[in-house]
Amino acid sequence: MSIFEYTPEELLGTVESVDTSNVIVKVENDDKLRGLQVNHLISIQSSKIGQHLIGLVSKIIRKSAYSDPIADLSPELGFNIIKVILIGTHFDRDAGKDNVFRRSLATIPTINAECHLIHGDRLKRFMQAISSIPEGEDAVSLQIGNYSIDEDATAWLNGNKLFQRHAVIVGSTGSGKSWCVAKILEQVASLKSADAILFDIHGEYSTLQGDSFTHLKVAGPNDEMGDGMLFLPYWLLTYEEMLSLMLDRSDNNAPNQAMMFSSAVIDGKKQFLIDADKAEMEANITLDSPIPYNLDTLLSSLKSKDEEMVPGAKVGTEKQGPYFGKLTRFIQRLETKQKDKRLNFMFASDVSLLSYNYMGELCSKLMLPSVAGKKGVKIIDFSEVPSDILPLIVSLIARVIFSVQQWTTVEHRHPIAIFCDEAHLYIPANTEKSIDDASLVTFERISKEGRKYGIGLVVISQRPSEVNRTVLSQSNNFIAMRLTNVDDQSVVKRLLPDSLGDYAEMLPILDIGEALVVGDASLLPSRIRITPPNMKPRSATIDFWDEWSKETTAVDISSAIESLRKQSK
């Protein structure tokens, strides 16, 4: 028996006009509007037997209330109007199965086609059909919560499509965004060969523990080499990244400094290959090749050029060389960075960091899936990385992963997902520094080409208006939680399909833990209540009044000051 068999008394209205996926429904009976809400589901009669078009109510207009320029309606109309967005087709029977919903429009509604509200028992039966995982997709199902319209129905996402086509998770502070991320990561971690990386900017995901989670930390000033420490030596930086860190482009001598630096880097890499008995590679290296070179040797070479005296015009005399004094400021900046304890992870003196095999060891920490005793989900703590170079360091790791994936043969390539928490800090919409530019180059390339090489990108931010538009536009899945800022709301509206633009009007009224889920991974554009994860991130809002009401407190200012001085907790 079909879900959508109605009596004449249950008629809601009839189709008045059709514009692709937007339908205007005429409702002549005022009583039918009672209880009708935006986001309710509507069944529309199809021209084909055994099929019904399914739509979402996006706007309700009482007769003669006002003029709606979007829907091109005039106040002279003598009937009530419902604006409906078509989202798919329900088949009474398809491919040997009963009650099948597909995100495709097999037909378009005809004028005067009957429309009915899906509610009560019909809603439960329809949602059961939606929430039941199709045959063959059990292995790719990712359950994130329950549909708000029917909380007995489980909402699931297609894990393949979620990461293949990138995803965006946005929401204001306190909306439940971190819960959503943790919920997804918990399920990723449960897979036998999981491989994912989370950029944890503030250290709030340290609570995610277990056999499938590896916690790594970008080394602080006092940290030493160890399994849980990440050291990212300077020679992993590309030429442009190194210049963005070291070069003052306002300096009149900047072109000379850049040229001499590039020459010294090439010489250093060639010498390393000779010393490592790999001279055959010398002809293939470039400035960006991840080959170690000794920074002290490079500095000595630059200093000799900066102080060089050459024979003068007269016999027995000397004059200043062509680069005399022109490299001084660059050398000083380089030495300052080298001595900066906050950059210990980059300029540490440990000899193992200048090993030919170090990059392989680093990538083994970052990229190996949860096989052979390895833990598949890697959470990288960036909380002690100076904010001024954070974009550079985050993008460095992302670029290394992308490059290795790109050069891995197809038969040995294992897919990996990158979760970019607080993405607005290192994938900004507007760049002011060359460091930001270097970071954007990496993430824009991953967003455009990552799918080819098995890299899925998940962009997470509380300020989507401050995230790079190119990166956002390449994402086909959106999990939008409560957003109160108008600019942030408008960004989400622009990213949604044109037919679902009005759907985003609910963004400011979503409850904590509720999300609008739209995209290739979701069968139904829906309002979903996210199920809390088993291990909640350390991102809970402090209860001011409760804390102020306590008789005793555990304030330790001295320790905080010492941590500030040491740049390490």
Protein backbone atom coordinates (compact mmCIF):
# COMPACT_ATOMS: atom_id res chain seq x y z
CA MET A 1 0.00 0.00 0.00
CA SER A 2 1.29 3.46 -0.94
CA ILE A 3 2.15 5.87 1.83
CA PHE A 4 0.45 8.68 -0.06
CA GLU A 5 -3.15 7.57 -0.46
CA TYR A 6 -5.35 10.49 0.65
CA THR A 7 -9.04 11.18 1.05
CA PRO A 8 -10.57 14.27 -0.64
CA GLU A 9 -10.89 15.93 2.80
CA GLU A 10 -7.10 15.82 3.22
CA LEU A 11 -6.42 17.96 0.15
CA LEU A 12 -4.15 20.88 1.05
CA GLY A 13 -4.23 22.72 -2.26
CA THR A 14 -3.38 22.56 -5.94
CA VAL A 15 -0.42 23.61 -8.03
CA GLU A 16 -0.82 27.18 -9.29
CA SER A 17 2.56 27.65 -11.02
CA VAL A 18 5.82 25.79 -11.60
CA ASP A 19 9.29 27.24 -12.08
CA THR A 20 11.80 24.36 -12.38
CA SER A 21 12.14 23.15 -8.77
CA ASN A 22 9.97 25.91 -7.25
CA VAL A 23 6.24 25.33 -7.02
CA ILE A 24 3.48 27.72 -5.95
CA VAL A 25 0.57 25.93 -4.28
CA LYS A 26 -2.89 27.55 -4.05
CA VAL A 27 -4.70 26.92 -0.75
CA GLU A 28 -8.32 28.06 -0.81
CA ASN A 29 -9.26 26.86 2.67
CA ASP A 30 -7.84 29.06 5.46
CA ASP A 31 -8.15 26.22 7.97
CA LYS A 32 -5.54 24.23 6.03
CA LEU A 33 -2.87 26.77 6.99
CA ARG A 34 -3.28 26.08 10.70
CA GLY A 35 -0.32 24.12 11.96
CA LEU A 36 1.52 24.41 8.67
CA GLN A 37 5.13 25.50 9.13
CA VAL A 38 8.19 26.25 7.05
CA ASN A 39 10.23 23.05 6.53
CA HIS A 40 7.15 20.81 6.53
CA LEU A 41 7.07 18.15 3.82
CA ILE A 42 4.54 18.25 0.99
CA SER A 43 3.48 15.46 -1.35
CA ILE A 44 2.57 16.59 -4.89
CA GLN A 45 0.72 14.39 -7.35
CA SER A 46 2.91 13.24 -10.25
CA SER A 47 1.84 12.69 -13.84
CA LYS A 48 3.12 9.12 -13.50
CA ILE A 49 1.25 6.50 -11.54
CA GLY A 50 3.01 5.26 -8.44
CA GLN A 51 5.14 8.39 -8.08
CA HIS A 52 4.84 11.47 -5.87
CA LEU A 53 6.99 14.57 -5.89
CA ILE A 54 8.29 15.58 -2.46
CA GLY A 55 8.86 19.20 -1.52
CA LEU A 56 9.78 21.42 1.42
CA VAL A 57 7.64 24.36 2.46
CA SER A 58 9.82 27.45 2.22
CA LYS A 59 7.25 30.24 2.54
CA ILE A 60 3.61 30.61 3.64
CA ILE A 61 1.60 33.65 2.49
CA ARG A 62 -1.91 34.42 3.71
CA LYS A 63 -4.17 35.84 1.06
CA SER A 64 -3.92 39.56 0.33
CA ALA A 65 -1.30 39.97 3.04
CA TYR A 66 1.42 41.58 0.98
CA SER A 67 3.19 41.51 -2.33
CA ASP A 68 6.03 39.01 -2.72
CA PRO A 69 8.40 40.21 -5.48
CA ILE A 70 10.42 36.99 -5.34
CA ALA A 71 7.44 34.79 -6.05
CA ASP A 72 5.96 37.46 -8.33
CA LEU A 73 2.70 37.48 -6.39
CA SER A 74 0.36 40.46 -6.16
CA PRO A 75 -1.78 41.40 -3.16
CA GLU A 76 -4.89 41.11 -5.30
CA LEU A 77 -4.78 37.32 -5.17
CA GLY A 78 -7.78 35.92 -3.40
CA PHE A 79 -6.24 32.74 -2.06
CA ASN A 80 -3.46 31.61 0.21
CA ILE A 81 -0.05 30.76 -1.19
CA ILE A 82 2.57 28.18 -0.22
CA LYS A 83 5.99 28.25 -1.82
CA VAL A 84 7.45 24.73 -2.11
CA ILE A 85 10.95 23.59 -3.05
CA LEU A 86 11.01 20.22 -4.82
CA ILE A 87 13.67 17.91 -3.39
CA GLY A 88 12.99 14.48 -4.89
CA THR A 89 10.61 11.74 -5.93
CA HIS A 90 8.93 8.99 -3.93
CA PHE A 91 8.29 5.70 -5.73
CA ASP A 92 5.64 3.34 -4.38
CA ARG A 93 7.80 0.56 -5.83
CA ASP A 94 11.15 0.71 -7.58
CA ALA A 95 13.65 -2.01 -8.44
CA GLY A 96 11.67 -4.56 -6.45
CA LYS A 97 11.54 -2.43 -3.29
CA ASP A 98 8.62 -0.61 -1.69
CA ASN A 99 8.64 3.08 -0.73
CA VAL A 100 11.84 4.31 -2.33
CA PHE A 101 12.93 7.97 -2.21
CA ARG A 102 15.41 9.37 -4.72
CA ARG A 103 16.96 12.82 -4.95
CA SER A 104 15.87 13.32 -8.51
CA LEU A 105 12.82 14.75 -10.20
CA ALA A 106 11.40 12.07 -12.47
CA THR A 107 8.69 14.49 -13.58
CA ILE A 108 7.51 18.02 -12.89
CA PRO A 109 4.09 18.76 -11.43
CA THR A 110 1.29 19.83 -13.70
CA ILE A 111 -0.99 22.77 -13.07
CA ASN A 112 -3.83 21.87 -10.66
CA ALA A 113 -1.97 18.80 -9.43
CA GLU A 114 -3.14 17.85 -5.94
CA CYS A 115 -0.91 18.63 -2.96
CA HIS A 116 -1.05 17.09 0.51
CA LEU A 117 0.73 17.63 3.80
CA ILE A 118 2.91 14.74 4.95
CA HIS A 119 2.26 14.38 8.67
CA GLY A 120 1.21 11.94 11.35
CA ASP A 121 1.56 8.26 10.47
CA ARG A 122 2.45 9.06 6.86
CA LEU A 123 5.37 11.21 8.00
CA LYS A 124 6.67 8.40 10.22
CA ARG A 125 6.41 5.86 7.39
CA PHE A 126 8.10 8.24 4.95
CA MET A 127 10.91 9.06 7.35
CA GLN A 128 11.43 5.37 8.03
CA ALA A 129 11.93 4.90 4.31
CA ILE A 130 14.36 7.85 4.26
CA SER A 131 16.35 6.73 7.28
CA SER A 132 16.68 3.10 6.25
CA ILE A 133 20.06 2.65 4.61
CA PRO A 134 19.72 1.51 0.98
CA GLU A 135 21.00 -1.93 0.12
CA GLY A 136 24.72 -1.84 -0.66
CA GLU A 137 25.32 1.40 1.26
CA ASP A 138 25.55 -0.06 4.77
CA ALA A 139 29.31 0.26 4.70
CA VAL A 140 29.27 3.96 3.79
CA SER A 141 26.59 5.14 6.18
CA LEU A 142 27.54 7.82 8.68
CA GLN A 143 24.88 8.53 11.29
CA ILE A 144 25.00 12.04 12.70
CA GLY A 145 21.66 12.40 14.45
CA ASN A 146 17.92 12.42 13.95
CA TYR A 147 15.62 14.47 11.74
CA SER A 148 14.04 17.34 13.67
CA ILE A 149 10.76 16.82 11.83
CA ASP A 150 10.59 13.25 13.16
CA GLU A 151 13.10 12.47 15.88
CA ASP A 152 12.43 8.74 15.62
CA ALA A 153 14.01 8.74 12.17
CA THR A 154 17.79 8.42 11.98
CA ALA A 155 19.64 10.86 9.74
CA TRP A 156 22.61 9.43 7.90
CA LEU A 157 25.15 10.69 5.41
CA ASN A 158 26.93 8.91 2.60
CA GLY A 159 30.53 8.76 3.81
CA ASN A 160 31.94 8.43 0.30
CA LYS A 161 30.20 11.52 -1.05
CA LEU A 162 30.90 13.54 2.11
CA PHE A 163 34.67 13.37 1.65
CA GLN A 164 34.88 12.95 -2.12
CA ARG A 165 33.20 16.27 -2.70
CA HIS A 166 34.49 18.17 0.34
CA ALA A 167 32.37 19.51 3.18
CA VAL A 168 31.78 22.70 5.15
CA ILE A 169 30.74 22.73 8.81
CA VAL A 170 29.83 26.19 10.13
CA GLY A 171 28.16 27.56 13.21
CA SER A 172 28.46 30.35 15.74
CA THR A 173 30.25 29.81 19.04
CA GLY A 174 28.19 27.52 21.25
CA SER A 175 26.05 26.14 18.42
CA GLY A 176 27.37 22.57 18.75
CA LYS A 177 29.85 22.68 15.88
CA SER A 178 32.61 20.87 17.81
CA TRP A 179 30.13 18.17 18.82
CA CYS A 180 29.30 17.61 15.18
CA VAL A 181 32.99 17.29 14.26
CA ALA A 182 33.64 14.90 17.15
CA LYS A 183 30.59 12.81 16.17
CA ILE A 184 31.90 12.39 12.62
CA LEU A 185 35.45 11.66 13.80
CA GLU A 186 34.24 8.98 16.22
CA GLN A 187 32.62 7.11 13.35
CA VAL A 188 35.59 7.61 11.05
CA ALA A 189 37.84 6.22 13.80
CA SER A 190 35.72 3.07 14.04
CA LEU A 191 36.59 2.05 10.46
CA LYS A 192 39.29 -0.59 10.03
CA SER A 193 41.54 1.44 7.71
CA ALA A 194 40.57 4.98 8.71
CA ASP A 195 42.89 7.83 7.73
CA ALA A 196 42.06 11.37 8.78
CA ILE A 197 43.83 14.41 10.21
CA LEU A 198 42.29 17.12 12.37
CA PHE A 199 44.01 20.49 12.69
CA ASP A 200 43.20 21.27 16.33
CA ILE A 201 44.07 24.94 16.67
CA HIS A 202 43.15 25.41 20.34
CA GLY A 203 43.71 21.92 21.74
CA GLU A 204 40.01 21.34 22.42
CA TYR A 205 39.90 17.83 20.92
CA SER A 206 42.37 16.30 23.37
CA THR A 207 39.40 14.53 24.99
CA LEU A 208 39.02 12.22 21.99
CA GLN A 209 40.88 9.17 23.20
CA GLY A 210 40.99 5.51 22.32
CA ASP A 211 42.75 2.94 20.21
CA SER A 212 41.98 4.76 16.96
CA PHE A 213 43.14 8.27 17.92
CA THR A 214 46.70 9.55 17.76
CA HIS A 215 47.48 12.86 19.41
CA LEU A 216 50.34 14.86 17.97
CA LYS A 217 51.59 18.26 19.01
CA VAL A 218 53.65 20.79 17.09
CA ALA A 219 56.66 21.02 19.38
CA GLY A 220 56.90 23.91 21.81
CA PRO A 221 60.03 25.79 23.01
CA ASN A 222 61.05 23.14 25.52
CA ASP A 223 59.85 20.00 23.75
CA GLU A 224 62.26 17.34 22.54
CA MET A 225 62.01 14.68 19.88
CA GLY A 226 59.43 12.03 20.69
CA ASP A 227 56.57 9.97 19.28
CA GLY A 228 53.95 12.60 20.06
CA MET A 229 55.96 15.61 18.90
CA LEU A 230 55.94 17.10 15.43
CA PHE A 231 59.05 18.87 14.22
CA LEU A 232 58.74 20.61 10.87
CA PRO A 233 62.27 21.57 9.79
CA TYR A 234 62.77 24.71 7.72
CA TRP A 235 63.96 22.78 4.66
CA LEU A 236 60.39 21.48 4.14
CA LEU A 237 59.32 25.03 3.28
CA THR A 238 59.07 25.99 -0.35
CA TYR A 239 61.09 28.91 -1.63
CA GLU A 240 58.10 31.28 -1.51
CA GLU A 241 57.14 30.10 1.97
CA MET A 242 60.68 30.67 3.24
CA LEU A 243 60.73 34.17 1.78
CA SER A 244 57.34 34.98 3.30
CA LEU A 245 58.81 34.05 6.68
CA MET A 246 62.24 35.67 6.33
CA LEU A 247 62.14 38.45 3.74
CA ASP A 248 61.04 42.03 4.32
CA ARG A 249 59.71 42.85 0.85
CA SER A 250 59.70 46.59 1.65
CA ASP A 251 63.50 46.50 1.89
CA ASN A 252 65.17 48.15 -1.12
CA ASN A 253 67.61 45.24 -1.25
CA ALA A 254 64.88 42.57 -1.14
CA PRO A 255 65.46 41.40 -4.78
CA ASN A 256 69.20 40.92 -4.12
CA GLN A 257 68.47 39.13 -0.85
CA ALA A 258 65.99 36.77 -2.50
CA MET A 259 68.38 35.98 -5.35
CA MET A 260 71.35 35.23 -3.10
CA PHE A 261 69.19 33.19 -0.75
CA SER A 262 67.88 31.04 -3.61
CA SER A 263 71.41 30.45 -4.88
CA ALA A 264 72.63 29.47 -1.40
CA VAL A 265 69.67 27.08 -0.91
CA ILE A 266 70.35 25.28 -4.19
CA ASP A 267 74.05 24.97 -3.32
CA GLY A 268 73.18 23.65 0.14
CA LYS A 269 70.81 21.00 -1.23
CA LYS A 270 73.33 19.86 -3.84
CA GLN A 271 76.03 19.56 -1.21
CA PHE A 272 73.71 17.52 1.02
CA LEU A 273 73.03 15.07 -1.82
CA ILE A 274 76.73 14.69 -2.48
CA ASP A 275 77.42 14.05 1.21
CA ALA A 276 74.52 11.55 1.34
CA ASP A 277 75.91 9.66 -1.68
CA LYS A 278 72.89 10.60 -3.79
CA ALA A 279 74.58 12.81 -6.33
CA GLU A 280 72.54 11.20 -9.14
CA MET A 281 69.54 13.23 -7.93
CA GLU A 282 71.36 16.54 -8.22
CA ALA A 283 70.14 17.27 -11.76
CA ASN A 284 66.45 16.90 -10.79
CA ILE A 285 66.18 19.10 -7.72
CA THR A 286 64.57 22.53 -7.56
CA LEU A 287 64.30 25.23 -4.93
CA ASP A 288 61.15 23.55 -3.63
CA SER A 289 62.50 20.00 -3.50
CA PRO A 290 62.23 18.63 0.08
CA ILE A 291 65.96 18.09 0.43
CA PRO A 292 67.70 19.07 3.70
CA TYR A 293 70.34 21.77 3.76
CA ASN A 294 72.41 23.18 6.60
CA LEU A 295 71.20 26.61 7.68
CA ASP A 296 74.44 27.47 9.46
CA THR A 297 76.38 26.81 6.27
CA LEU A 298 73.90 28.92 4.32
CA LEU A 299 74.28 31.80 6.79
CA SER A 300 78.08 31.62 6.52
CA SER A 301 77.81 31.82 2.74
CA LEU A 302 75.52 34.85 2.91
CA LYS A 303 77.77 36.59 5.46
CA SER A 304 80.79 36.13 3.22
CA LYS A 305 78.91 37.79 0.36
CA ASP A 306 77.69 40.55 2.69
CA GLU A 307 81.27 41.32 3.80
CA GLU A 308 83.06 40.52 0.54
CA MET A 309 85.84 42.84 -0.70
CA VAL A 310 87.00 42.57 -4.30
CA PRO A 311 90.10 43.93 -6.10
CA GLY A 312 89.83 47.62 -6.90
CA ALA A 313 90.62 49.43 -10.10
CA LYS A 314 94.13 50.12 -8.91
CA VAL A 315 96.57 47.34 -8.23
CA GLY A 316 96.76 46.45 -4.59
CA THR A 317 93.49 48.15 -3.64
CA GLU A 318 90.14 46.70 -2.62
CA LYS A 319 86.58 47.81 -2.93
CA GLN A 320 83.26 46.60 -1.60
CA GLY A 321 81.78 43.60 -3.41
CA PRO A 322 78.48 43.79 -5.35
CA TYR A 323 76.46 42.57 -2.34
CA PHE A 324 78.42 44.31 0.41
CA GLY A 325 76.01 45.37 3.17
CA LYS A 326 72.95 44.49 1.08
CA LEU A 327 72.30 41.20 2.87
CA THR A 328 72.77 42.43 6.43
CA ARG A 329 69.12 42.88 7.36
CA PHE A 330 68.13 39.57 5.76
CA ILE A 331 70.86 37.74 7.70
CA GLN A 332 69.74 39.40 10.92
CA ARG A 333 66.12 38.33 10.34
CA LEU A 334 67.23 34.79 9.56
CA GLU A 335 69.38 34.59 12.70
CA THR A 336 66.56 36.03 14.81
CA LYS A 337 64.13 33.40 13.55
CA GLN A 338 66.72 30.67 14.10
CA LYS A 339 67.18 31.71 17.75
CA ASP A 340 63.47 32.22 18.45
CA LYS A 341 62.52 29.51 20.96
CA ARG A 342 58.92 29.66 19.83
CA LEU A 343 60.10 28.24 16.50
CA ASN A 344 61.85 25.31 18.10
CA PHE A 345 59.78 22.95 15.96
CA MET A 346 61.36 24.46 12.84
CA PHE A 347 64.93 25.33 13.83
CA ALA A 348 65.76 22.71 16.46
CA SER A 349 69.39 21.63 16.40
CA ASP A 350 68.72 17.88 16.58
CA VAL A 351 70.86 16.26 13.86
CA SER A 352 68.11 13.76 13.01
CA LEU A 353 66.11 16.63 11.49
CA LEU A 354 68.76 16.92 8.78
CA SER A 355 68.40 13.27 7.83
CA TYR A 356 67.41 12.23 4.31
CA ASN A 357 64.85 9.84 5.81
CA TYR A 358 63.20 12.38 8.13
CA MET A 359 60.44 13.30 5.69
CA GLY A 360 59.47 9.63 5.43
CA GLU A 361 59.30 9.38 9.21
CA LEU A 362 57.15 12.52 9.39
CA CYS A 363 54.71 11.30 6.73
CA SER A 364 54.45 7.93 8.47
CA LYS A 365 53.16 9.77 11.53
CA LEU A 366 50.73 11.84 9.50
CA MET A 367 49.45 9.60 6.76
CA LEU A 368 49.43 5.91 7.61
CA PRO A 369 45.94 4.44 8.10
CA SER A 370 44.83 2.42 11.11
CA VAL A 371 46.62 -0.77 10.11
CA ALA A 372 49.70 -2.51 11.47
CA GLY A 373 49.20 -1.05 14.91
CA LYS A 374 48.83 2.54 13.65
CA LYS A 375 45.98 4.79 14.75
CA GLY A 376 43.97 6.16 11.85
CA VAL A 377 42.72 9.51 13.16
CA LYS A 378 45.51 11.98 13.88
CA ILE A 379 44.71 15.06 15.96
CA ILE A 380 47.41 17.72 15.67
CA ASP A 381 47.58 20.32 18.45
CA PHE A 382 48.68 23.75 17.16
CA SER A 383 47.94 25.60 20.39
CA GLU A 384 51.59 26.60 20.99
CA VAL A 385 52.31 27.76 17.45
CA PRO A 386 52.68 31.58 17.27
CA SER A 387 49.60 33.07 15.67
CA ASP A 388 51.59 35.16 13.18
CA ILE A 389 52.99 32.07 11.44
CA LEU A 390 50.08 29.68 12.09
CA PRO A 391 48.82 29.84 8.45
CA LEU A 392 52.29 28.91 7.19
CA ILE A 393 52.69 25.91 9.49
CA VAL A 394 49.19 24.52 8.93
CA SER A 395 49.52 24.84 5.17
CA LEU A 396 52.99 23.24 5.32
CA ILE A 397 51.52 20.03 6.73
CA ALA A 398 48.62 20.13 4.27
CA ARG A 399 51.00 20.67 1.35
CA VAL A 400 53.28 17.81 2.38
CA ILE A 401 50.26 15.48 2.54
CA PHE A 402 48.99 16.66 -0.85
CA SER A 403 52.41 16.32 -2.50
CA VAL A 404 52.97 12.80 -1.20
CA GLN A 405 49.46 11.75 -2.27
CA GLN A 406 50.05 13.27 -5.70
CA TRP A 407 53.25 11.31 -6.26
CA THR A 408 51.91 8.03 -4.86
CA THR A 409 51.01 5.50 -7.53
CA VAL A 410 47.29 4.84 -7.92
CA GLU A 411 47.49 1.24 -6.70
CA HIS A 412 49.21 2.36 -3.46
CA ARG A 413 47.18 5.52 -2.81
CA HIS A 414 45.05 5.45 0.35
CA PRO A 415 42.38 8.17 0.79
CA ILE A 416 42.83 10.69 3.58
CA ALA A 417 40.55 13.42 4.97
CA ILE A 418 41.78 16.74 6.37
CA PHE A 419 39.57 18.47 8.96
CA CYS A 420 40.44 22.18 9.12
CA ASP A 421 39.16 23.52 12.43
CA GLU A 422 39.01 27.32 12.80
CA ALA A 423 39.65 27.55 9.06
CA HIS A 424 39.17 31.34 8.95
CA LEU A 425 42.54 31.73 10.71
CA TYR A 426 44.58 30.14 7.90
CA ILE A 427 42.25 30.06 4.88
CA PRO A 428 41.20 33.71 5.04
CA ALA A 429 38.91 35.50 2.61
CA ASN A 430 41.22 38.53 2.59
CA THR A 431 45.00 38.26 2.84
CA GLU A 432 47.16 40.96 4.35
CA LYS A 433 50.50 39.15 4.63
CA SER A 434 52.55 37.04 2.25
CA ILE A 435 52.28 34.19 4.79
CA ASP A 436 48.52 34.17 4.24
CA ASP A 437 49.04 34.09 0.47
CA ALA A 438 51.31 31.06 0.76
CA SER A 439 48.69 29.25 2.85
CA LEU A 440 45.88 30.01 0.42
CA VAL A 441 47.81 28.59 -2.53
CA THR A 442 47.95 25.22 -0.80
CA PHE A 443 44.33 24.99 0.30
CA GLU A 444 42.91 26.32 -2.95
CA ARG A 445 44.83 23.65 -4.80
CA ILE A 446 43.61 20.91 -2.43
CA SER A 447 40.01 22.09 -2.80
CA LYS A 448 40.29 22.02 -6.62
CA GLU A 449 42.46 18.93 -7.16
CA GLY A 450 42.33 16.95 -3.92
CA ARG A 451 39.57 14.63 -5.11
CA LYS A 452 41.82 13.28 -7.91
CA TYR A 453 44.42 12.19 -5.37
CA GLY A 454 42.15 10.88 -2.65
CA ILE A 455 42.13 13.91 -0.34
CA GLY A 456 38.88 15.06 1.23
CA LEU A 457 38.68 18.53 2.79
CA VAL A 458 36.36 19.43 5.66
CA VAL A 459 36.32 23.18 6.36
CA ILE A 460 35.17 24.08 9.88
CA SER A 461 34.58 27.68 10.95
CA GLN A 462 32.44 29.94 13.11
CA ARG A 463 32.91 32.78 10.59
CA PRO A 464 32.22 31.53 7.04
CA SER A 465 32.28 35.14 5.81
CA GLU A 466 36.00 35.22 6.67
CA VAL A 467 36.86 31.97 4.86
CA ASN A 468 38.24 31.99 1.32
CA ARG A 469 35.41 31.92 -1.23
CA THR A 470 37.22 29.65 -3.68
CA VAL A 471 37.69 26.92 -1.08
CA LEU A 472 34.05 27.17 0.05
CA SER A 473 32.74 27.07 -3.50
CA GLN A 474 34.48 23.75 -4.14
CA SER A 475 32.56 22.09 -1.31
CA ASN A 476 29.34 20.27 -2.19
CA ASN A 477 28.23 19.33 1.34
CA PHE A 478 27.09 21.81 3.98
CA ILE A 479 26.36 21.28 7.64
CA ALA A 480 25.23 24.69 8.85
CA MET A 481 24.45 25.18 12.52
CA ARG A 482 23.11 28.32 14.15
CA LEU A 483 24.53 31.50 12.63
CA THR A 484 23.48 34.87 14.02
CA ASN A 485 25.75 37.14 12.00
CA VAL A 486 24.08 38.48 8.85
CA ASP A 487 27.28 38.33 6.79
CA ASP A 488 27.82 34.69 7.73
CA GLN A 489 24.22 33.84 6.88
CA SER A 490 24.50 35.45 3.45
CA VAL A 491 27.61 33.41 2.65
CA VAL A 492 25.78 30.16 3.40
CA LYS A 493 22.79 31.30 1.32
CA ARG A 494 25.05 31.95 -1.67
CA LEU A 495 26.65 28.53 -1.35
CA LEU A 496 23.34 26.68 -1.30
CA PRO A 497 21.58 25.72 -4.54
CA ASP A 498 19.36 28.50 -5.86
CA SER A 499 16.23 26.51 -5.12
CA LEU A 500 17.20 26.20 -1.44
CA GLY A 501 18.09 29.84 -0.83
CA ASP A 502 15.04 30.44 1.36
CA TYR A 503 15.91 27.32 3.35
CA ALA A 504 18.77 29.22 4.99
CA GLU A 505 16.34 31.61 6.67
CA MET A 506 16.23 29.14 9.56
CA LEU A 507 19.93 29.60 10.39
CA PRO A 508 19.49 32.15 13.22
CA ILE A 509 16.71 30.17 14.96
CA LEU A 510 18.33 26.74 15.07
CA ASP A 511 18.64 25.21 18.51
CA ILE A 512 21.99 24.19 20.02
CA GLY A 513 23.02 20.97 18.31
CA GLU A 514 20.69 21.48 15.34
CA ALA A 515 21.96 21.81 11.79
CA LEU A 516 20.75 22.32 8.26
CA VAL A 517 22.33 19.56 6.19
CA VAL A 518 22.42 19.97 2.42
CA GLY A 519 24.56 18.33 -0.23
CA ASP A 520 25.50 15.23 -2.16
CA ALA A 521 26.05 13.21 1.01
CA SER A 522 22.54 13.83 2.33
CA LEU A 523 19.54 12.09 0.83
CA LEU A 524 17.20 14.81 2.01
CA PRO A 525 17.97 18.52 2.63
CA SER A 526 17.03 18.49 6.27
CA ARG A 527 17.03 20.04 9.66
CA ILE A 528 18.87 17.52 11.83
CA ARG A 529 19.50 17.30 15.56
CA ILE A 530 23.09 16.16 15.99
CA THR A 531 23.57 13.29 18.43
CA PRO A 532 26.16 14.24 21.10
CA PRO A 533 29.45 12.34 20.68
CA ASN A 534 30.60 9.81 23.26
CA MET A 535 33.70 11.92 23.88
CA LYS A 536 32.86 15.60 23.99
CA PRO A 537 35.49 18.19 22.99
CA ARG A 538 36.84 20.57 25.59
CA SER A 539 34.89 23.49 24.18
CA ALA A 540 32.08 23.93 26.65
CA THR A 541 31.16 27.47 27.52
CA ILE A 542 32.14 28.46 31.07
CA ASP A 543 29.16 29.06 33.35
CA PHE A 544 30.06 32.51 34.67
CA TRP A 545 27.34 32.84 37.26
CA ASP A 546 27.92 29.35 38.66
CA GLU A 547 31.67 29.88 38.89
CA TRP A 548 31.21 33.27 40.55
CA SER A 549 28.88 31.68 43.09
CA LYS A 550 31.49 29.23 44.39
CA GLU A 551 33.14 29.93 47.74
CA THR A 552 36.59 28.83 46.58
CA THR A 553 38.37 29.10 43.24
CA ALA A 554 41.52 27.60 41.76
CA VAL A 555 43.11 30.66 40.22
CA ASP A 556 46.87 30.25 39.59
CA ILE A 557 48.21 33.42 38.01
CA SER A 558 51.88 32.63 38.74
CA SER A 559 51.81 29.42 36.71
CA ALA A 560 50.05 31.20 33.86
CA ILE A 561 52.72 33.88 33.77
CA GLU A 562 55.48 31.28 33.75
CA SER A 563 53.77 29.44 30.89
CA LEU A 564 53.53 32.75 29.02
CA ARG A 565 57.24 33.36 29.49
CA LYS A 566 58.14 29.83 28.42
CA GLN A 567 55.53 29.83 25.62
CA SER A 568 54.57 26.38 26.81
CA LYS A 569 51.84 25.06 29.13
